[in-house]
Amino acid sequence: MGHDFIKNKHDPCAYKKVSGSTVVYLVLYANNILLFGNDVKMLGDIKGEASYILGIKIYKDRSQRMLGLTRSSYIEKSEEIHDGKLKTGIPSNET
């Protein structure tokens, strides 16, 4: 996980980032993210704007007031399947 978070050894869904006296916690649960800490600026820097969610790329053009989604990475991965076989030569289960 980016932003220098350290995974909690007792809970694989909990992460912590410490910088001096600033502490930020990130907790993942199903499709939710809980982000909390003692520095609002750092929380904002970490939160940022989403660019991917569930493998779907989010793109924005604020000047044209457009928001879009694309699954191009999924399509590119799907192109690797040809004639019922993956490029590795291992037969796929898809028909």
PDB file of N, CA and C in Angstrom:
ATOM      1  N   MET A   1       0.847  -1.163   0.000  1.00  0.00           N
ATOM      2  CA  MET A   1       0.000   0.000   0.000  1.00  0.00           C
ATOM      3  C   MET A   1       0.896   1.231   0.000  1.00  0.00           C
ATOM      4  N   GLY A   2       0.563   2.218  -0.792  1.00  0.00           N
ATOM      5  CA  GLY A   2       1.359   3.429  -0.910  1.00  0.00           C
ATOM      6  C   GLY A   2       1.227   4.349   0.280  1.00  0.00           C
ATOM      7  N   HIS A   3       1.803   5.516   0.175  1.00  0.00           N
ATOM      8  CA  HIS A   3       1.769   6.556   1.210  1.00  0.00           C
ATOM      9  C   HIS A   3       2.467   6.137   2.497  1.00  0.00           C
ATOM     10  N   ASP A   4       3.348   5.153   2.461  1.00  0.00           N
ATOM     11  CA  ASP A   4       4.128   4.718   3.628  1.00  0.00           C
ATOM     12  C   ASP A   4       3.290   4.207   4.787  1.00  0.00           C
ATOM     13  N   PHE A   5       2.164   3.588   4.500  1.00  0.00           N
ATOM     14  CA  PHE A   5       1.362   2.980   5.553  1.00  0.00           C
ATOM     15  C   PHE A   5       1.981   1.649   5.956  1.00  0.00           C
ATOM     16  N   ILE A   6       1.834   1.311   7.205  1.00  0.00           N
ATOM     17  CA  ILE A   6       2.335   0.048   7.731  1.00  0.00           C
ATOM     18  C   ILE A   6       1.130  -0.823   8.085  1.00  0.00           C
ATOM     19  N   LYS A   7       1.132  -2.067   7.557  1.00  0.00           N
ATOM     20  CA  LYS A   7       0.024  -2.986   7.822  1.00  0.00           C
ATOM     21  C   LYS A   7       0.072  -3.440   9.274  1.00  0.00           C
ATOM     22  N   ASN A   8      -1.068  -3.480   9.904  1.00  0.00           N
ATOM     23  CA  ASN A   8      -1.193  -3.954  11.277  1.00  0.00           C
ATOM     24  C   ASN A   8      -0.955  -5.462  11.291  1.00  0.00           C
ATOM     25  N   LYS A   9      -0.079  -5.944  12.177  1.00  0.00           N
ATOM     26  CA  LYS A   9       0.237  -7.375  12.193  1.00  0.00           C
ATOM     27  C   LYS A   9      -0.902  -8.228  12.736  1.00  0.00           C
ATOM     28  N   HIS A  10      -1.870  -7.620  13.429  1.00  0.00           N
ATOM     29  CA  HIS A  10      -2.994  -8.372  13.992  1.00  0.00           C
ATOM     30  C   HIS A  10      -4.245  -8.301  13.120  1.00  0.00           C
ATOM     31  N   ASP A  11      -4.311  -7.298  12.242  1.00  0.00           N
ATOM     32  CA  ASP A  11      -5.488  -7.133  11.387  1.00  0.00           C
ATOM     33  C   ASP A  11      -5.029  -6.703  10.002  1.00  0.00           C
ATOM     34  N   PRO A  12      -5.124  -7.583   8.996  1.00  0.00           N
ATOM     35  CA  PRO A  12      -4.625  -7.261   7.665  1.00  0.00           C
ATOM     36  C   PRO A  12      -5.409  -6.161   6.947  1.00  0.00           C
ATOM     37  N   CYS A  13      -6.503  -5.707   7.527  1.00  0.00           N
ATOM     38  CA  CYS A  13      -7.298  -4.640   6.913  1.00  0.00           C
ATOM     39  C   CYS A  13      -7.049  -3.286   7.566  1.00  0.00           C
ATOM     40  N   ALA A  14      -6.120  -3.222   8.501  1.00  0.00           N
ATOM     41  CA  ALA A  14      -5.831  -1.968   9.210  1.00  0.00           C
ATOM     42  C   ALA A  14      -4.391  -1.537   8.922  1.00  0.00           C
ATOM     43  N   TYR A  15      -4.236  -0.251   8.644  1.00  0.00           N
ATOM     44  CA  TYR A  15      -2.928   0.319   8.325  1.00  0.00           C
ATOM     45  C   TYR A  15      -2.721   1.585   9.148  1.00  0.00           C
ATOM     46  N   LYS A  16      -1.446   1.926   9.387  1.00  0.00           N
ATOM     47  CA  LYS A  16      -1.117   3.107  10.172  1.00  0.00           C
ATOM     48  C   LYS A  16       0.056   3.830   9.541  1.00  0.00           C
ATOM     49  N   LYS A  17      -0.015   5.148   9.572  1.00  0.00           N
ATOM     50  CA  LYS A  17       1.091   5.976   9.097  1.00  0.00           C
ATOM     51  C   LYS A  17       1.424   6.975  10.196  1.00  0.00           C
ATOM     52  N   VAL A  18       2.704   7.052  10.554  1.00  0.00           N
ATOM     53  CA  VAL A  18       3.158   7.976  11.589  1.00  0.00           C
ATOM     54  C   VAL A  18       4.223   8.879  10.982  1.00  0.00           C
ATOM     55  N   SER A  19       4.075  10.171  11.203  1.00  0.00           N
ATOM     56  CA  SER A  19       5.064  11.147  10.759  1.00  0.00           C
ATOM     57  C   SER A  19       5.197  12.181  11.869  1.00  0.00           C
ATOM     58  N   GLY A  20       6.245  12.031  12.685  1.00  0.00           N
ATOM     59  CA  GLY A  20       6.394  12.907  13.850  1.00  0.00           C
ATOM     60  C   GLY A  20       5.264  12.664  14.828  1.00  0.00           C
ATOM     61  N   SER A  21       4.519  13.717  15.144  1.00  0.00           N
ATOM     62  CA  SER A  21       3.393  13.561  16.067  1.00  0.00           C
ATOM     63  C   SER A  21       2.076  13.308  15.328  1.00  0.00           C
ATOM     64  N   THR A  22       2.131  13.225  14.005  1.00  0.00           N
ATOM     65  CA  THR A  22       0.928  12.994  13.205  1.00  0.00           C
ATOM     66  C   THR A  22       0.719  11.501  13.001  1.00  0.00           C
ATOM     67  N   VAL A  23      -0.515  11.064  13.222  1.00  0.00           N
ATOM     68  CA  VAL A  23      -0.868   9.656  13.047  1.00  0.00           C
ATOM     69  C   VAL A  23      -2.128   9.582  12.189  1.00  0.00           C
ATOM     70  N   VAL A  24      -2.103   8.686  11.186  1.00  0.00           N
ATOM     71  CA  VAL A  24      -3.270   8.463  10.343  1.00  0.00           C
ATOM     72  C   VAL A  24      -3.525   6.963  10.292  1.00  0.00           C
ATOM     73  N   TYR A  25      -4.775   6.579  10.432  1.00  0.00           N
ATOM     74  CA  TYR A  25      -5.191   5.179  10.337  1.00  0.00           C
ATOM     75  C   TYR A  25      -6.074   5.011   9.113  1.00  0.00           C
ATOM     76  N   LEU A  26      -5.900   3.892   8.431  1.00  0.00           N
ATOM     77  CA  LEU A  26      -6.726   3.539   7.293  1.00  0.00           C
ATOM     78  C   LEU A  26      -7.240   2.129   7.550  1.00  0.00           C
ATOM     79  N   VAL A  27      -8.552   1.969   7.533  1.00  0.00           N
ATOM     80  CA  VAL A  27      -9.168   0.667   7.795  1.00  0.00           C
ATOM     81  C   VAL A  27     -10.044   0.310   6.601  1.00  0.00           C
ATOM     82  N   LEU A  28      -9.837  -0.887   6.050  1.00  0.00           N
ATOM     83  CA  LEU A  28     -10.612  -1.378   4.918  1.00  0.00           C
ATOM     84  C   LEU A  28     -11.639  -2.381   5.414  1.00  0.00           C
ATOM     85  N   TYR A  29     -12.871  -2.261   4.922  1.00  0.00           N
ATOM     86  CA  TYR A  29     -13.911  -3.218   5.273  1.00  0.00           C
ATOM     87  C   TYR A  29     -14.832  -3.358   4.073  1.00  0.00           C
ATOM     88  N   ALA A  30     -14.847  -4.527   3.479  1.00  0.00           N
ATOM     89  CA  ALA A  30     -15.648  -4.813   2.276  1.00  0.00           C
ATOM     90  C   ALA A  30     -15.353  -3.729   1.239  1.00  0.00           C
ATOM     91  N   ASN A  31     -16.329  -2.930   0.876  1.00  0.00           N
ATOM     92  CA  ASN A  31     -16.097  -1.880  -0.116  1.00  0.00           C
ATOM     93  C   ASN A  31     -16.048  -0.491   0.522  1.00  0.00           C
ATOM     94  N   ASN A  32     -15.666  -0.429   1.794  1.00  0.00           N
ATOM     95  CA  ASN A  32     -15.591   0.837   2.509  1.00  0.00           C
ATOM     96  C   ASN A  32     -14.168   1.105   2.983  1.00  0.00           C
ATOM     97  N   ILE A  33     -13.822   2.377   3.080  1.00  0.00           N
ATOM     98  CA  ILE A  33     -12.538   2.799   3.612  1.00  0.00           C
ATOM     99  C   ILE A  33     -12.799   3.819   4.705  1.00  0.00           C
ATOM    100  N   LEU A  34     -12.248   3.570   5.876  1.00  0.00           N
ATOM    101  CA  LEU A  34     -12.333   4.506   6.993  1.00  0.00           C
ATOM    102  C   LEU A  34     -10.948   5.113   7.163  1.00  0.00           C
ATOM    103  N   LEU A  35     -10.847   6.424   7.050  1.00  0.00           N
ATOM    104  CA  LEU A  35      -9.580   7.133   7.146  1.00  0.00           C
ATOM    105  C   LEU A  35      -9.726   8.162   8.256  1.00  0.00           C
ATOM    106  N   PHE A  36      -8.877   8.064   9.283  1.00  0.00           N
ATOM    107  CA  PHE A  36      -8.957   9.022  10.375  1.00  0.00           C
ATOM    108  C   PHE A  36      -7.586   9.266  10.973  1.00  0.00           C
ATOM    109  N   GLY A  37      -7.420  10.421  11.589  1.00  0.00           N
ATOM    110  CA  GLY A  37      -6.138  10.780  12.169  1.00  0.00           C
ATOM    111  C   GLY A  37      -6.212  12.130  12.852  1.00  0.00           C
ATOM    112  N   ASN A  38      -5.043  12.646  13.231  1.00  0.00           N
ATOM    113  CA  ASN A  38      -5.017  13.883  13.998  1.00  0.00           C
ATOM    114  C   ASN A  38      -4.487  15.078  13.198  1.00  0.00           C
ATOM    115  N   ASP A  39      -4.457  14.965  11.856  1.00  0.00           N
ATOM    116  CA  ASP A  39      -3.984  16.068  11.032  1.00  0.00           C
ATOM    117  C   ASP A  39      -4.844  16.156   9.769  1.00  0.00           C
ATOM    118  N   VAL A  40      -5.669  17.190   9.691  1.00  0.00           N
ATOM    119  CA  VAL A  40      -6.617  17.320   8.582  1.00  0.00           C
ATOM    120  C   VAL A  40      -5.895  17.455   7.245  1.00  0.00           C
ATOM    121  N   LYS A  41      -4.793  18.202   7.191  1.00  0.00           N
ATOM    122  CA  LYS A  41      -4.062  18.377   5.935  1.00  0.00           C
ATOM    123  C   LYS A  41      -3.534  17.041   5.421  1.00  0.00           C
ATOM    124  N   MET A  42      -2.952  16.245   6.298  1.00  0.00           N
ATOM    125  CA  MET A  42      -2.438  14.946   5.868  1.00  0.00           C
ATOM    126  C   MET A  42      -3.568  14.043   5.400  1.00  0.00           C
ATOM    127  N   LEU A  43      -4.703  14.081   6.067  1.00  0.00           N
ATOM    128  CA  LEU A  43      -5.849  13.278   5.635  1.00  0.00           C
ATOM    129  C   LEU A  43      -6.260  13.671   4.220  1.00  0.00           C
ATOM    130  N   GLY A  44      -6.296  14.978   3.951  1.00  0.00           N
ATOM    131  CA  GLY A  44      -6.649  15.453   2.615  1.00  0.00           C
ATOM    132  C   GLY A  44      -5.646  15.034   1.571  1.00  0.00           C
ATOM    133  N   ASP A  45      -4.347  15.087   1.923  1.00  0.00           N
ATOM    134  CA  ASP A  45      -3.298  14.673   0.984  1.00  0.00           C
ATOM    135  C   ASP A  45      -3.419  13.196   0.654  1.00  0.00           C
ATOM    136  N   ILE A  46      -3.729  12.396   1.643  1.00  0.00           N
ATOM    137  CA  ILE A  46      -3.855  10.948   1.439  1.00  0.00           C
ATOM    138  C   ILE A  46      -5.113  10.630   0.650  1.00  0.00           C
ATOM    139  N   LYS A  47      -6.210  11.288   1.006  1.00  0.00           N
ATOM    140  CA  LYS A  47      -7.482  11.003   0.358  1.00  0.00           C
ATOM    141  C   LYS A  47      -7.419  11.314  -1.129  1.00  0.00           C
ATOM    142  N   GLY A  48      -6.951  12.508  -1.488  1.00  0.00           N
ATOM    143  CA  GLY A  48      -6.828  12.866  -2.900  1.00  0.00           C
ATOM    144  C   GLY A  48      -8.104  12.617  -3.665  1.00  0.00           C
ATOM    145  N   GLU A  49      -7.960  12.285  -4.936  1.00  0.00           N
ATOM    146  CA  GLU A  49      -9.112  11.959  -5.766  1.00  0.00           C
ATOM    147  C   GLU A  49      -8.941  10.549  -6.288  1.00  0.00           C
ATOM    148  N   ALA A  50     -10.020   9.822  -6.339  1.00  0.00           N
ATOM    149  CA  ALA A  50      -9.982   8.446  -6.828  1.00  0.00           C
ATOM    150  C   ALA A  50      -9.655   8.426  -8.317  1.00  0.00           C
ATOM    151  N   SER A  51      -8.791   7.501  -8.725  1.00  0.00           N
ATOM    152  CA  SER A  51      -8.501   7.347 -10.146  1.00  0.00           C
ATOM    153  C   SER A  51      -8.897   5.950 -10.634  1.00  0.00           C
ATOM    154  N   TYR A  52      -8.984   4.988  -9.724  1.00  0.00           N
ATOM    155  CA  TYR A  52      -9.433   3.631 -10.051  1.00  0.00           C
ATOM    156  C   TYR A  52     -10.329   3.134  -8.934  1.00  0.00           C
ATOM    157  N   ILE A  53     -11.328   2.365  -9.284  1.00  0.00           N
ATOM    158  CA  ILE A  53     -12.154   1.687  -8.292  1.00  0.00           C
ATOM    159  C   ILE A  53     -12.608   0.359  -8.894  1.00  0.00           C
ATOM    160  N   LEU A  54     -12.340  -0.710  -8.197  1.00  0.00           N
ATOM    161  CA  LEU A  54     -12.692  -2.069  -8.645  1.00  0.00           C
ATOM    162  C   LEU A  54     -12.199  -2.343 -10.058  1.00  0.00           C
ATOM    163  N   GLY A  55     -10.995  -1.874 -10.375  1.00  0.00           N
ATOM    164  CA  GLY A  55     -10.407  -2.120 -11.686  1.00  0.00           C
ATOM    165  C   GLY A  55     -10.950  -1.240 -12.793  1.00  0.00           C
ATOM    166  N   ILE A  56     -11.772  -0.277 -12.445  1.00  0.00           N
ATOM    167  CA  ILE A  56     -12.353   0.629 -13.434  1.00  0.00           C
ATOM    168  C   ILE A  56     -11.682   1.991 -13.285  1.00  0.00           C
ATOM    169  N   LYS A  57     -11.140   2.523 -14.375  1.00  0.00           N
ATOM    170  CA  LYS A  57     -10.466   3.821 -14.344  1.00  0.00           C
ATOM    171  C   LYS A  57     -11.514   4.934 -14.385  1.00  0.00           C
ATOM    172  N   ILE A  58     -11.320   5.902 -13.512  1.00  0.00           N
ATOM    173  CA  ILE A  58     -12.194   7.073 -13.462  1.00  0.00           C
ATOM    174  C   ILE A  58     -11.444   8.226 -14.112  1.00  0.00           C
ATOM    175  N   TYR A  59     -12.061   8.868 -15.083  1.00  0.00           N
ATOM    176  CA  TYR A  59     -11.421  10.036 -15.688  1.00  0.00           C
ATOM    177  C   TYR A  59     -12.377  11.219 -15.632  1.00  0.00           C
ATOM    178  N   LYS A  60     -11.777  12.410 -15.463  1.00  0.00           N
ATOM    179  CA  LYS A  60     -12.573  13.627 -15.290  1.00  0.00           C
ATOM    180  C   LYS A  60     -12.034  14.724 -16.179  1.00  0.00           C
ATOM    181  N   ASP A  61     -12.936  15.520 -16.707  1.00  0.00           N
ATOM    182  CA  ASP A  61     -12.581  16.735 -17.423  1.00  0.00           C
ATOM    183  C   ASP A  61     -13.480  17.826 -16.851  1.00  0.00           C
ATOM    184  N   ARG A  62     -12.973  18.498 -15.841  1.00  0.00           N
ATOM    185  CA  ARG A  62     -13.773  19.509 -15.145  1.00  0.00           C
ATOM    186  C   ARG A  62     -14.173  20.664 -16.056  1.00  0.00           C
ATOM    187  N   SER A  63     -13.300  21.012 -17.011  1.00  0.00           N
ATOM    188  CA  SER A  63     -13.615  22.135 -17.900  1.00  0.00           C
ATOM    189  C   SER A  63     -14.857  21.846 -18.740  1.00  0.00           C
ATOM    190  N   GLN A  64     -15.079  20.571 -19.085  1.00  0.00           N
ATOM    191  CA  GLN A  64     -16.254  20.194 -19.864  1.00  0.00           C
ATOM    192  C   GLN A  64     -17.331  19.545 -19.010  1.00  0.00           C
ATOM    193  N   ARG A  65     -17.083  19.533 -17.694  1.00  0.00           N
ATOM    194  CA  ARG A  65     -18.034  18.953 -16.734  1.00  0.00           C
ATOM    195  C   ARG A  65     -18.368  17.507 -17.098  1.00  0.00           C
ATOM    196  N   MET A  66     -17.300  16.736 -17.390  1.00  0.00           N
ATOM    197  CA  MET A  66     -17.475  15.338 -17.763  1.00  0.00           C
ATOM    198  C   MET A  66     -16.834  14.415 -16.735  1.00  0.00           C
ATOM    199  N   LEU A  67     -17.476  13.304 -16.499  1.00  0.00           N
ATOM    200  CA  LEU A  67     -16.960  12.242 -15.644  1.00  0.00           C
ATOM    201  C   LEU A  67     -17.179  10.946 -16.411  1.00  0.00           C
ATOM    202  N   GLY A  68     -16.126  10.128 -16.507  1.00  0.00           N
ATOM    203  CA  GLY A  68     -16.259   8.895 -17.271  1.00  0.00           C
ATOM    204  C   GLY A  68     -15.600   7.722 -16.587  1.00  0.00           C
ATOM    205  N   LEU A  69     -15.959   6.542 -17.018  1.00  0.00           N
ATOM    206  CA  LEU A  69     -15.394   5.295 -16.514  1.00  0.00           C
ATOM    207  C   LEU A  69     -14.938   4.477 -17.701  1.00  0.00           C
ATOM    208  N   THR A  70     -13.824   3.778 -17.537  1.00  0.00           N
ATOM    209  CA  THR A  70     -13.357   2.901 -18.608  1.00  0.00           C
ATOM    210  C   THR A  70     -12.782   1.619 -18.016  1.00  0.00           C
ATOM    211  N   ARG A  71     -12.988   0.547 -18.705  1.00  0.00           N
ATOM    212  CA  ARG A  71     -12.440  -0.749 -18.286  1.00  0.00           C
ATOM    213  C   ARG A  71     -11.383  -1.193 -19.281  1.00  0.00           C
ATOM    214  N   SER A  72     -10.588  -0.263 -19.780  1.00  0.00           N
ATOM    215  CA  SER A  72      -9.593  -0.597 -20.800  1.00  0.00           C
ATOM    216  C   SER A  72      -8.595  -1.643 -20.315  1.00  0.00           C
ATOM    217  N   SER A  73      -8.205  -1.587 -19.032  1.00  0.00           N
ATOM    218  CA  SER A  73      -7.262  -2.595 -18.538  1.00  0.00           C
ATOM    219  C   SER A  73      -7.894  -3.984 -18.569  1.00  0.00           C
ATOM    220  N   TYR A  74      -9.194  -4.070 -18.301  1.00  0.00           N
ATOM    221  CA  TYR A  74      -9.895  -5.348 -18.379  1.00  0.00           C
ATOM    222  C   TYR A  74      -9.915  -5.843 -19.821  1.00  0.00           C
ATOM    223  N   ILE A  75     -10.159  -4.933 -20.740  1.00  0.00           N
ATOM    224  CA  ILE A  75     -10.206  -5.297 -22.154  1.00  0.00           C
ATOM    225  C   ILE A  75      -8.837  -5.773 -22.613  1.00  0.00           C
ATOM    226  N   GLU A  76      -7.790  -5.059 -22.188  1.00  0.00           N
ATOM    227  CA  GLU A  76      -6.429  -5.463 -22.566  1.00  0.00           C
ATOM    228  C   GLU A  76      -6.102  -6.857 -22.033  1.00  0.00           C
ATOM    229  N   LYS A  77      -6.507  -7.143 -20.802  1.00  0.00           N
ATOM    230  CA  LYS A  77      -6.264  -8.480 -20.245  1.00  0.00           C
ATOM    231  C   LYS A  77      -7.063  -9.528 -20.997  1.00  0.00           C
ATOM    232  N   SER A  78      -8.288  -9.171 -21.400  1.00  0.00           N
ATOM    233  CA  SER A  78      -9.131 -10.110 -22.134  1.00  0.00           C
ATOM    234  C   SER A  78      -8.545 -10.443 -23.497  1.00  0.00           C
ATOM    235  N   GLU A  79      -7.822  -9.486 -24.087  1.00  0.00           N
ATOM    236  CA  GLU A  79      -7.210  -9.721 -25.395  1.00  0.00           C
ATOM    237  C   GLU A  79      -6.123 -10.782 -25.329  1.00  0.00           C
ATOM    238  N   GLU A  80      -5.611 -11.065 -24.122  1.00  0.00           N
ATOM    239  CA  GLU A  80      -4.597 -12.097 -23.975  1.00  0.00           C
ATOM    240  C   GLU A  80      -5.172 -13.490 -24.206  1.00  0.00           C
ATOM    241  N   ILE A  81      -6.489 -13.622 -24.104  1.00  0.00           N
ATOM    242  CA  ILE A  81      -7.135 -14.914 -24.330  1.00  0.00           C
ATOM    243  C   ILE A  81      -7.422 -15.044 -25.822  1.00  0.00           C
ATOM    244  N   HIS A  82      -6.905 -16.100 -26.421  1.00  0.00           N
ATOM    245  CA  HIS A  82      -7.076 -16.284 -27.859  1.00  0.00           C
ATOM    246  C   HIS A  82      -7.267 -17.765 -28.141  1.00  0.00           C
ATOM    247  N   ASP A  83      -8.293 -18.093 -28.868  1.00  0.00           N
ATOM    248  CA  ASP A  83      -8.585 -19.477 -29.225  1.00  0.00           C
ATOM    249  C   ASP A  83      -8.694 -20.392 -28.010  1.00  0.00           C
ATOM    250  N   GLY A  84      -9.261 -19.896 -26.921  1.00  0.00           N
ATOM    251  CA  GLY A  84      -9.473 -20.732 -25.751  1.00  0.00           C
ATOM    252  C   GLY A  84      -8.233 -20.998 -24.937  1.00  0.00           C
ATOM    253  N   LYS A  85      -7.111 -20.338 -25.246  1.00  0.00           N
ATOM    254  CA  LYS A  85      -5.876 -20.545 -24.495  1.00  0.00           C
ATOM    255  C   LYS A  85      -5.302 -19.197 -24.078  1.00  0.00           C
ATOM    256  N   LEU A  86      -4.722 -19.175 -22.915  1.00  0.00           N
ATOM    257  CA  LEU A  86      -3.991 -17.984 -22.500  1.00  0.00           C
ATOM    258  C   LEU A  86      -2.678 -17.970 -23.246  1.00  0.00           C
ATOM    259  N   LYS A  87      -2.026 -16.832 -23.317  1.00  0.00           N
ATOM    260  CA  LYS A  87      -0.727 -16.753 -23.999  1.00  0.00           C
ATOM    261  C   LYS A  87       0.298 -17.695 -23.388  1.00  0.00           C
ATOM    262  N   THR A  88       0.073 -18.103 -22.152  1.00  0.00           N
ATOM    263  CA  THR A  88       1.003 -19.026 -21.504  1.00  0.00           C
ATOM    264  C   THR A  88       0.850 -20.440 -22.051  1.00  0.00           C
ATOM    265  N   GLY A  89      -0.225 -20.662 -22.813  1.00  0.00           N
ATOM    266  CA  GLY A  89      -0.469 -21.989 -23.359  1.00  0.00           C
ATOM    267  C   GLY A  89      -1.349 -22.848 -22.462  1.00  0.00           C
ATOM    268  N   ILE A  90      -1.743 -22.300 -21.344  1.00  0.00           N
ATOM    269  CA  ILE A  90      -2.621 -23.032 -20.424  1.00  0.00           C
ATOM    270  C   ILE A  90      -4.056 -22.843 -20.884  1.00  0.00           C
ATOM    271  N   PRO A  91      -4.806 -23.936 -21.118  1.00  0.00           N
ATOM    272  CA  PRO A  91      -6.201 -23.792 -21.556  1.00  0.00           C
ATOM    273  C   PRO A  91      -7.027 -23.040 -20.528  1.00  0.00           C
ATOM    274  N   SER A  92      -7.874 -22.134 -21.014  1.00  0.00           N
ATOM    275  CA  SER A  92      -8.753 -21.401 -20.103  1.00  0.00           C
ATOM    276  C   SER A  92     -10.051 -22.167 -19.949  1.00  0.00           C
ATOM    277  N   ASN A  93     -10.845 -21.821 -18.947  1.00  0.00           N
ATOM    278  CA  ASN A  93     -12.138 -22.470 -18.716  1.00  0.00           C
ATOM    279  C   ASN A  93     -13.258 -21.772 -19.450  1.00  0.00           C
ATOM    280  N   GLU A  94     -12.933 -20.684 -20.183  1.00  0.00           N
ATOM    281  CA  GLU A  94     -13.952 -19.934 -20.904  1.00  0.00           C
ATOM    282  C   GLU A  94     -14.272 -20.642 -22.208  1.00  0.00           C
ATOM    283  N   THR A  95     -15.526 -20.549 -22.605  1.00  0.00           N
ATOM    284  CA  THR A  95     -15.947 -21.166 -23.878  1.00  0.00           C
ATOM    285  C   THR A  95     -16.403 -20.120 -24.837  1.00  0.00           C
TER     286      THR A  95
END
